[in-house]
Amino acid sequence: PPILLPDSRCTPGGEGARCVCSASA
């Protein structure tokens, strides 16, 4: 089954944010 990776996070910037969701399986 999938494993979420540590680089999964949200980073605010400018007008909003960039969210990253990384998974391996």
mmCIF file of all heavy atoms, coordinates in Angstrom:
data_MODEL
# 
_entry.id   MODEL 
# 
loop_
_atom_site.group_PDB 
_atom_site.id 
_atom_site.type_symbol 
_atom_site.label_atom_id 
_atom_site.label_alt_id 
_atom_site.label_comp_id 
_atom_site.label_asym_id 
_atom_site.label_entity_id 
_atom_site.label_seq_id 
_atom_site.pdbx_PDB_ins_code 
_atom_site.Cartn_x 
_atom_site.Cartn_y 
_atom_site.Cartn_z 
_atom_site.occupancy 
_atom_site.B_iso_or_equiv 
_atom_site.pdbx_formal_charge 
_atom_site.auth_seq_id 
_atom_site.auth_comp_id 
_atom_site.auth_asym_id 
_atom_site.auth_atom_id 
_atom_site.pdbx_PDB_model_num 
ATOM 1   N N   . PRO A 1 1  ? 0.837  -1.210 0.000  1.00 0.00 ? 1  PRO A N   1 
ATOM 2   C CA  . PRO A 1 1  ? 0.000  0.000  0.000  1.00 0.00 ? 1  PRO A CA  1 
ATOM 3   C C   . PRO A 1 1  ? 0.871  1.260  0.000  1.00 0.00 ? 1  PRO A C   1 
ATOM 4   O O   . PRO A 1 1  ? 2.062  1.201  0.323  1.00 0.00 ? 1  PRO A O   1 
ATOM 5   C CB  . PRO A 1 1  ? -0.815 -0.117 1.284  1.00 0.00 ? 1  PRO A CB  1 
ATOM 6   C CG  . PRO A 1 1  ? -0.051 -1.033 2.157  1.00 0.00 ? 1  PRO A CG  1 
ATOM 7   C CD  . PRO A 1 1  ? 0.739  -1.947 1.254  1.00 0.00 ? 1  PRO A CD  1 
ATOM 8   N N   . PRO A 1 2  ? 0.276  2.391  -0.331 1.00 0.00 ? 2  PRO A N   1 
ATOM 9   C CA  . PRO A 1 2  ? 1.044  3.644  -0.404 1.00 0.00 ? 2  PRO A CA  1 
ATOM 10  C C   . PRO A 1 2  ? 1.662  4.059  0.927  1.00 0.00 ? 2  PRO A C   1 
ATOM 11  O O   . PRO A 1 2  ? 1.107  3.808  1.998  1.00 0.00 ? 2  PRO A O   1 
ATOM 12  C CB  . PRO A 1 2  ? -0.005 4.679  -0.829 1.00 0.00 ? 2  PRO A CB  1 
ATOM 13  C CG  . PRO A 1 2  ? -1.108 3.902  -1.427 1.00 0.00 ? 2  PRO A CG  1 
ATOM 14  C CD  . PRO A 1 2  ? -1.119 2.590  -0.716 1.00 0.00 ? 2  PRO A CD  1 
ATOM 15  N N   . ILE A 1 3  ? 2.801  4.698  0.785  1.00 0.00 ? 3  ILE A N   1 
ATOM 16  C CA  . ILE A 1 3  ? 3.514  5.316  1.907  1.00 0.00 ? 3  ILE A CA  1 
ATOM 17  C C   . ILE A 1 3  ? 3.671  6.788  1.537  1.00 0.00 ? 3  ILE A C   1 
ATOM 18  O O   . ILE A 1 3  ? 4.191  7.102  0.464  1.00 0.00 ? 3  ILE A O   1 
ATOM 19  C CB  . ILE A 1 3  ? 4.904  4.681  2.105  1.00 0.00 ? 3  ILE A CB  1 
ATOM 20  C CG1 . ILE A 1 3  ? 4.780  3.201  2.428  1.00 0.00 ? 3  ILE A CG1 1 
ATOM 21  C CG2 . ILE A 1 3  ? 5.687  5.421  3.178  1.00 0.00 ? 3  ILE A CG2 1 
ATOM 22  C CD1 . ILE A 1 3  ? 6.095  2.445  2.332  1.00 0.00 ? 3  ILE A CD1 1 
ATOM 23  N N   . LEU A 1 4  ? 3.224  7.696  2.415  1.00 0.00 ? 4  LEU A N   1 
ATOM 24  C CA  . LEU A 1 4  ? 3.402  9.128  2.151  1.00 0.00 ? 4  LEU A CA  1 
ATOM 25  C C   . LEU A 1 4  ? 4.841  9.519  2.475  1.00 0.00 ? 4  LEU A C   1 
ATOM 26  O O   . LEU A 1 4  ? 5.399  9.093  3.484  1.00 0.00 ? 4  LEU A O   1 
ATOM 27  C CB  . LEU A 1 4  ? 2.429  9.965  2.976  1.00 0.00 ? 4  LEU A CB  1 
ATOM 28  C CG  . LEU A 1 4  ? 0.960  9.829  2.574  1.00 0.00 ? 4  LEU A CG  1 
ATOM 29  C CD1 . LEU A 1 4  ? 0.077  10.702 3.461  1.00 0.00 ? 4  LEU A CD1 1 
ATOM 30  C CD2 . LEU A 1 4  ? 0.751  10.182 1.115  1.00 0.00 ? 4  LEU A CD2 1 
ATOM 31  N N   . LEU A 1 5  ? 5.428  10.316 1.617  1.00 0.00 ? 5  LEU A N   1 
ATOM 32  C CA  . LEU A 1 5  ? 6.823  10.709 1.762  1.00 0.00 ? 5  LEU A CA  1 
ATOM 33  C C   . LEU A 1 5  ? 6.957  12.010 2.537  1.00 0.00 ? 5  LEU A C   1 
ATOM 34  O O   . LEU A 1 5  ? 6.038  12.840 2.538  1.00 0.00 ? 5  LEU A O   1 
ATOM 35  C CB  . LEU A 1 5  ? 7.466  10.824 0.381  1.00 0.00 ? 5  LEU A CB  1 
ATOM 36  C CG  . LEU A 1 5  ? 7.388  9.543  -0.460 1.00 0.00 ? 5  LEU A CG  1 
ATOM 37  C CD1 . LEU A 1 5  ? 8.003  9.757  -1.837 1.00 0.00 ? 5  LEU A CD1 1 
ATOM 38  C CD2 . LEU A 1 5  ? 8.069  8.389  0.255  1.00 0.00 ? 5  LEU A CD2 1 
ATOM 39  N N   . PRO A 1 6  ? 8.117  12.212 3.191  1.00 0.00 ? 6  PRO A N   1 
ATOM 40  C CA  . PRO A 1 6  ? 8.305  13.391 4.043  1.00 0.00 ? 6  PRO A CA  1 
ATOM 41  C C   . PRO A 1 6  ? 8.219  14.740 3.327  1.00 0.00 ? 6  PRO A C   1 
ATOM 42  O O   . PRO A 1 6  ? 7.995  15.753 3.969  1.00 0.00 ? 6  PRO A O   1 
ATOM 43  C CB  . PRO A 1 6  ? 9.710  13.213 4.633  1.00 0.00 ? 6  PRO A CB  1 
ATOM 44  C CG  . PRO A 1 6  ? 10.106 11.817 4.346  1.00 0.00 ? 6  PRO A CG  1 
ATOM 45  C CD  . PRO A 1 6  ? 9.251  11.308 3.231  1.00 0.00 ? 6  PRO A CD  1 
ATOM 46  N N   . ASP A 1 7  ? 8.392  14.767 1.994  1.00 0.00 ? 7  ASP A N   1 
ATOM 47  C CA  . ASP A 1 7  ? 8.312  16.049 1.301  1.00 0.00 ? 7  ASP A CA  1 
ATOM 48  C C   . ASP A 1 7  ? 6.871  16.489 1.053  1.00 0.00 ? 7  ASP A C   1 
ATOM 49  O O   . ASP A 1 7  ? 6.629  17.505 0.396  1.00 0.00 ? 7  ASP A O   1 
ATOM 50  C CB  . ASP A 1 7  ? 9.115  16.031 -0.006 1.00 0.00 ? 7  ASP A CB  1 
ATOM 51  C CG  . ASP A 1 7  ? 8.633  14.972 -0.986 1.00 0.00 ? 7  ASP A CG  1 
ATOM 52  O OD1 . ASP A 1 7  ? 7.931  14.034 -0.562 1.00 0.00 ? 7  ASP A OD1 1 
ATOM 53  O OD2 . ASP A 1 7  ? 8.969  15.083 -2.184 1.00 0.00 ? 7  ASP A OD2 1 
ATOM 54  N N   . SER A 1 8  ? 5.903  15.769 1.596  1.00 0.00 ? 8  SER A N   1 
ATOM 55  C CA  . SER A 1 8  ? 4.491  16.148 1.489  1.00 0.00 ? 8  SER A CA  1 
ATOM 56  C C   . SER A 1 8  ? 4.212  17.270 2.478  1.00 0.00 ? 8  SER A C   1 
ATOM 57  O O   . SER A 1 8  ? 4.311  17.064 3.691  1.00 0.00 ? 8  SER A O   1 
ATOM 58  C CB  . SER A 1 8  ? 3.590  14.940 1.781  1.00 0.00 ? 8  SER A CB  1 
ATOM 59  O OG  . SER A 1 8  ? 3.796  13.922 0.836  1.00 0.00 ? 8  SER A OG  1 
ATOM 60  N N   . ARG A 1 9  ? 3.903  18.455 1.957  1.00 0.00 ? 9  ARG A N   1 
ATOM 61  C CA  . ARG A 1 9  ? 3.659  19.632 2.805  1.00 0.00 ? 9  ARG A CA  1 
ATOM 62  C C   . ARG A 1 9  ? 3.097  20.769 1.983  1.00 0.00 ? 9  ARG A C   1 
ATOM 63  O O   . ARG A 1 9  ? 3.092  20.704 0.763  1.00 0.00 ? 9  ARG A O   1 
ATOM 64  C CB  . ARG A 1 9  ? 4.941  20.080 3.483  1.00 0.00 ? 9  ARG A CB  1 
ATOM 65  C CG  . ARG A 1 9  ? 5.889  20.766 2.499  1.00 0.00 ? 9  ARG A CG  1 
ATOM 66  C CD  . ARG A 1 9  ? 7.156  21.208 3.137  1.00 0.00 ? 9  ARG A CD  1 
ATOM 67  N NE  . ARG A 1 9  ? 8.039  20.089 2.944  1.00 0.00 ? 9  ARG A NE  1 
ATOM 68  C CZ  . ARG A 1 9  ? 9.221  19.912 3.495  1.00 0.00 ? 9  ARG A CZ  1 
ATOM 69  N NH1 . ARG A 1 9  ? 9.709  20.755 4.270  1.00 0.00 ? 9  ARG A NH1 1 
ATOM 70  N NH2 . ARG A 1 9  ? 9.955  18.889 3.261  1.00 0.00 ? 9  ARG A NH2 1 
ATOM 71  N N   . CYS A 1 10 ? 2.653  21.806 2.661  1.00 0.00 ? 10 CYS A N   1 
ATOM 72  C CA  . CYS A 1 10 ? 2.193  23.030 2.003  1.00 0.00 ? 10 CYS A CA  1 
ATOM 73  C C   . CYS A 1 10 ? 3.174  24.151 2.314  1.00 0.00 ? 10 CYS A C   1 
ATOM 74  O O   . CYS A 1 10 ? 3.656  24.262 3.443  1.00 0.00 ? 10 CYS A O   1 
ATOM 75  C CB  . CYS A 1 10 ? 0.799  23.430 2.494  1.00 0.00 ? 10 CYS A CB  1 
ATOM 76  S SG  . CYS A 1 10 ? -0.500 22.286 1.992  1.00 0.00 ? 10 CYS A SG  1 
ATOM 77  N N   . THR A 1 11 ? 3.448  24.977 1.319  1.00 0.00 ? 11 THR A N   1 
ATOM 78  C CA  . THR A 1 11 ? 4.350  26.110 1.490  1.00 0.00 ? 11 THR A CA  1 
ATOM 79  C C   . THR A 1 11 ? 3.632  27.372 1.033  1.00 0.00 ? 11 THR A C   1 
ATOM 80  O O   . THR A 1 11 ? 3.302  27.495 -0.149 1.00 0.00 ? 11 THR A O   1 
ATOM 81  C CB  . THR A 1 11 ? 5.641  25.913 0.653  1.00 0.00 ? 11 THR A CB  1 
ATOM 82  O OG1 . THR A 1 11 ? 6.222  24.662 0.985  1.00 0.00 ? 11 THR A OG1 1 
ATOM 83  C CG2 . THR A 1 11 ? 6.633  27.021 0.921  1.00 0.00 ? 11 THR A CG2 1 
ATOM 84  N N   . PRO A 1 12 ? 3.346  28.289 1.979  1.00 0.00 ? 12 PRO A N   1 
ATOM 85  C CA  . PRO A 1 12 ? 2.697  29.548 1.597  1.00 0.00 ? 12 PRO A CA  1 
ATOM 86  C C   . PRO A 1 12 ? 3.651  30.399 0.769  1.00 0.00 ? 12 PRO A C   1 
ATOM 87  O O   . PRO A 1 12 ? 4.859  30.327 0.929  1.00 0.00 ? 12 PRO A O   1 
ATOM 88  C CB  . PRO A 1 12 ? 2.408  30.233 2.928  1.00 0.00 ? 12 PRO A CB  1 
ATOM 89  C CG  . PRO A 1 12 ? 2.668  29.233 3.986  1.00 0.00 ? 12 PRO A CG  1 
ATOM 90  C CD  . PRO A 1 12 ? 3.563  28.191 3.406  1.00 0.00 ? 12 PRO A CD  1 
ATOM 91  N N   . GLY A 1 13 ? 3.077  31.179 -0.122 1.00 0.00 ? 13 GLY A N   1 
ATOM 92  C CA  . GLY A 1 13 ? 3.899  32.077 -0.920 1.00 0.00 ? 13 GLY A CA  1 
ATOM 93  C C   . GLY A 1 13 ? 3.031  32.947 -1.797 1.00 0.00 ? 13 GLY A C   1 
ATOM 94  O O   . GLY A 1 13 ? 2.052  32.468 -2.366 1.00 0.00 ? 13 GLY A O   1 
ATOM 95  N N   . GLY A 1 14 ? 3.387  34.220 -1.903 1.00 0.00 ? 14 GLY A N   1 
ATOM 96  C CA  . GLY A 1 14 ? 2.618  35.140 -2.747 1.00 0.00 ? 14 GLY A CA  1 
ATOM 97  C C   . GLY A 1 14 ? 1.173  35.188 -2.302 1.00 0.00 ? 14 GLY A C   1 
ATOM 98  O O   . GLY A 1 14 ? 0.871  35.370 -1.134 1.00 0.00 ? 14 GLY A O   1 
ATOM 99  N N   . GLU A 1 15 ? 0.276  34.980 -3.220 1.00 0.00 ? 15 GLU A N   1 
ATOM 100 C CA  . GLU A 1 15 ? -1.155 34.985 -2.933 1.00 0.00 ? 15 GLU A CA  1 
ATOM 101 C C   . GLU A 1 15 ? -1.679 33.557 -2.883 1.00 0.00 ? 15 GLU A C   1 
ATOM 102 O O   . GLU A 1 15 ? -2.346 33.103 -3.802 1.00 0.00 ? 15 GLU A O   1 
ATOM 103 C CB  . GLU A 1 15 ? -1.898 35.781 -4.011 1.00 0.00 ? 15 GLU A CB  1 
ATOM 104 C CG  . GLU A 1 15 ? -1.698 37.274 -3.927 1.00 0.00 ? 15 GLU A CG  1 
ATOM 105 C CD  . GLU A 1 15 ? -2.334 37.867 -2.671 1.00 0.00 ? 15 GLU A CD  1 
ATOM 106 O OE1 . GLU A 1 15 ? -3.480 37.508 -2.349 1.00 0.00 ? 15 GLU A OE1 1 
ATOM 107 O OE2 . GLU A 1 15 ? -1.660 38.671 -2.012 1.00 0.00 ? 15 GLU A OE2 1 
ATOM 108 N N   . GLY A 1 16 ? -1.329 32.819 -1.842 1.00 0.00 ? 16 GLY A N   1 
ATOM 109 C CA  . GLY A 1 16 ? -1.826 31.455 -1.718 1.00 0.00 ? 16 GLY A CA  1 
ATOM 110 C C   . GLY A 1 16 ? -0.775 30.513 -1.164 1.00 0.00 ? 16 GLY A C   1 
ATOM 111 O O   . GLY A 1 16 ? 0.038  30.889 -0.332 1.00 0.00 ? 16 GLY A O   1 
ATOM 112 N N   . ALA A 1 17 ? -0.801 29.288 -1.674 1.00 0.00 ? 17 ALA A N   1 
ATOM 113 C CA  . ALA A 1 17 ? 0.137  28.274 -1.196 1.00 0.00 ? 17 ALA A CA  1 
ATOM 114 C C   . ALA A 1 17 ? 0.296  27.189 -2.257 1.00 0.00 ? 17 ALA A C   1 
ATOM 115 O O   . ALA A 1 17 ? -0.542 27.038 -3.155 1.00 0.00 ? 17 ALA A O   1 
ATOM 116 C CB  . ALA A 1 17 ? -0.357 27.652 0.102  1.00 0.00 ? 17 ALA A CB  1 
ATOM 117 N N   . ARG A 1 18 ? 1.373  26.445 -2.123 1.00 0.00 ? 18 ARG A N   1 
ATOM 118 C CA  . ARG A 1 18 ? 1.646  25.298 -2.994 1.00 0.00 ? 18 ARG A CA  1 
ATOM 119 C C   . ARG A 1 18 ? 1.722  24.080 -2.089 1.00 0.00 ? 18 ARG A C   1 
ATOM 120 O O   . ARG A 1 18 ? 2.539  24.022 -1.179 1.00 0.00 ? 18 ARG A O   1 
ATOM 121 C CB  . ARG A 1 18 ? 2.970  25.524 -3.716 1.00 0.00 ? 18 ARG A CB  1 
ATOM 122 C CG  . ARG A 1 18 ? 3.388  24.403 -4.641 1.00 0.00 ? 18 ARG A CG  1 
ATOM 123 C CD  . ARG A 1 18 ? 4.721  24.789 -5.322 1.00 0.00 ? 18 ARG A CD  1 
ATOM 124 N NE  . ARG A 1 18 ? 5.127  23.806 -6.280 1.00 0.00 ? 18 ARG A NE  1 
ATOM 125 C CZ  . ARG A 1 18 ? 5.964  22.807 -6.032 1.00 0.00 ? 18 ARG A CZ  1 
ATOM 126 N NH1 . ARG A 1 18 ? 6.490  22.682 -4.828 1.00 0.00 ? 18 ARG A NH1 1 
ATOM 127 N NH2 . ARG A 1 18 ? 6.284  21.941 -6.973 1.00 0.00 ? 18 ARG A NH2 1 
ATOM 128 N N   . CYS A 1 19 ? 0.849  23.102 -2.331 1.00 0.00 ? 19 CYS A N   1 
ATOM 129 C CA  . CYS A 1 19 ? 0.815  21.888 -1.512 1.00 0.00 ? 19 CYS A CA  1 
ATOM 130 C C   . CYS A 1 19 ? 1.301  20.704 -2.344 1.00 0.00 ? 19 CYS A C   1 
ATOM 131 O O   . CYS A 1 19 ? 0.891  20.530 -3.495 1.00 0.00 ? 19 CYS A O   1 
ATOM 132 C CB  . CYS A 1 19 ? -0.594 21.626 -0.997 1.00 0.00 ? 19 CYS A CB  1 
ATOM 133 S SG  . CYS A 1 19 ? -1.186 22.913 0.124  1.00 0.00 ? 19 CYS A SG  1 
ATOM 134 N N   . VAL A 1 20 ? 2.176  19.911 -1.748 1.00 0.00 ? 20 VAL A N   1 
ATOM 135 C CA  . VAL A 1 20 ? 2.761  18.748 -2.413 1.00 0.00 ? 20 VAL A CA  1 
ATOM 136 C C   . VAL A 1 20 ? 2.365  17.501 -1.640 1.00 0.00 ? 20 VAL A C   1 
ATOM 137 O O   . VAL A 1 20 ? 2.458  17.465 -0.410 1.00 0.00 ? 20 VAL A O   1 
ATOM 138 C CB  . VAL A 1 20 ? 4.303  18.863 -2.452 1.00 0.00 ? 20 VAL A CB  1 
ATOM 139 C CG1 . VAL A 1 20 ? 4.938  17.599 -3.008 1.00 0.00 ? 20 VAL A CG1 1 
ATOM 140 C CG2 . VAL A 1 20 ? 4.730  20.071 -3.264 1.00 0.00 ? 20 VAL A CG2 1 
ATOM 141 N N   . CYS A 1 21 ? 1.915  16.493 -2.367 1.00 0.00 ? 21 CYS A N   1 
ATOM 142 C CA  . CYS A 1 21 ? 1.561  15.203 -1.782 1.00 0.00 ? 21 CYS A CA  1 
ATOM 143 C C   . CYS A 1 21 ? 2.306  14.135 -2.576 1.00 0.00 ? 21 CYS A C   1 
ATOM 144 O O   . CYS A 1 21 ? 2.023  13.931 -3.757 1.00 0.00 ? 21 CYS A O   1 
ATOM 145 C CB  . CYS A 1 21 ? 0.049  14.982 -1.860 1.00 0.00 ? 21 CYS A CB  1 
ATOM 146 S SG  . CYS A 1 21 ? -0.517 13.428 -1.149 1.00 0.00 ? 21 CYS A SG  1 
ATOM 147 N N   . SER A 1 22 ? 3.292  13.479 -1.948 1.00 0.00 ? 22 SER A N   1 
ATOM 148 C CA  . SER A 1 22 ? 4.089  12.448 -2.617 1.00 0.00 ? 22 SER A CA  1 
ATOM 149 C C   . SER A 1 22 ? 3.882  11.112 -1.932 1.00 0.00 ? 22 SER A C   1 
ATOM 150 O O   . SER A 1 22 ? 3.934  11.016 -0.702 1.00 0.00 ? 22 SER A O   1 
ATOM 151 C CB  . SER A 1 22 ? 5.578  12.784 -2.563 1.00 0.00 ? 22 SER A CB  1 
ATOM 152 O OG  . SER A 1 22 ? 5.873  13.884 -3.377 1.00 0.00 ? 22 SER A OG  1 
ATOM 153 N N   . ALA A 1 23 ? 3.663  10.072 -2.755 1.00 0.00 ? 23 ALA A N   1 
ATOM 154 C CA  . ALA A 1 23 ? 3.447  8.733  -2.213 1.00 0.00 ? 23 ALA A CA  1 
ATOM 155 C C   . ALA A 1 23 ? 4.160  7.710  -3.087 1.00 0.00 ? 23 ALA A C   1 
ATOM 156 O O   . ALA A 1 23 ? 4.232  7.858  -4.309 1.00 0.00 ? 23 ALA A O   1 
ATOM 157 C CB  . ALA A 1 23 ? 1.955  8.422  -2.159 1.00 0.00 ? 23 ALA A CB  1 
ATOM 158 N N   . SER A 1 24 ? 4.666  6.661  -2.438 1.00 0.00 ? 24 SER A N   1 
ATOM 159 C CA  . SER A 1 24 ? 5.300  5.546  -3.139 1.00 0.00 ? 24 SER A CA  1 
ATOM 160 C C   . SER A 1 24 ? 4.516  4.282  -2.864 1.00 0.00 ? 24 SER A C   1 
ATOM 161 O O   . SER A 1 24 ? 3.999  4.090  -1.754 1.00 0.00 ? 24 SER A O   1 
ATOM 162 C CB  . SER A 1 24 ? 6.738  5.355  -2.660 1.00 0.00 ? 24 SER A CB  1 
ATOM 163 O OG  . SER A 1 24 ? 7.540  6.432  -3.056 1.00 0.00 ? 24 SER A OG  1 
ATOM 164 N N   . ALA A 1 25 ? 4.441  3.395  -3.878 1.00 0.00 ? 25 ALA A N   1 
ATOM 165 C CA  . ALA A 1 25 ? 3.720  2.131  -3.719 1.00 0.00 ? 25 ALA A CA  1 
ATOM 166 C C   . ALA A 1 25 ? 3.945  1.254  -4.940 1.00 0.00 ? 25 ALA A C   1 
ATOM 167 O O   . ALA A 1 25 ? 4.485  1.691  -5.953 1.00 0.00 ? 25 ALA A O   1 
ATOM 168 C CB  . ALA A 1 25 ? 2.225  2.388  -3.555 1.00 0.00 ? 25 ALA A CB  1 
# 
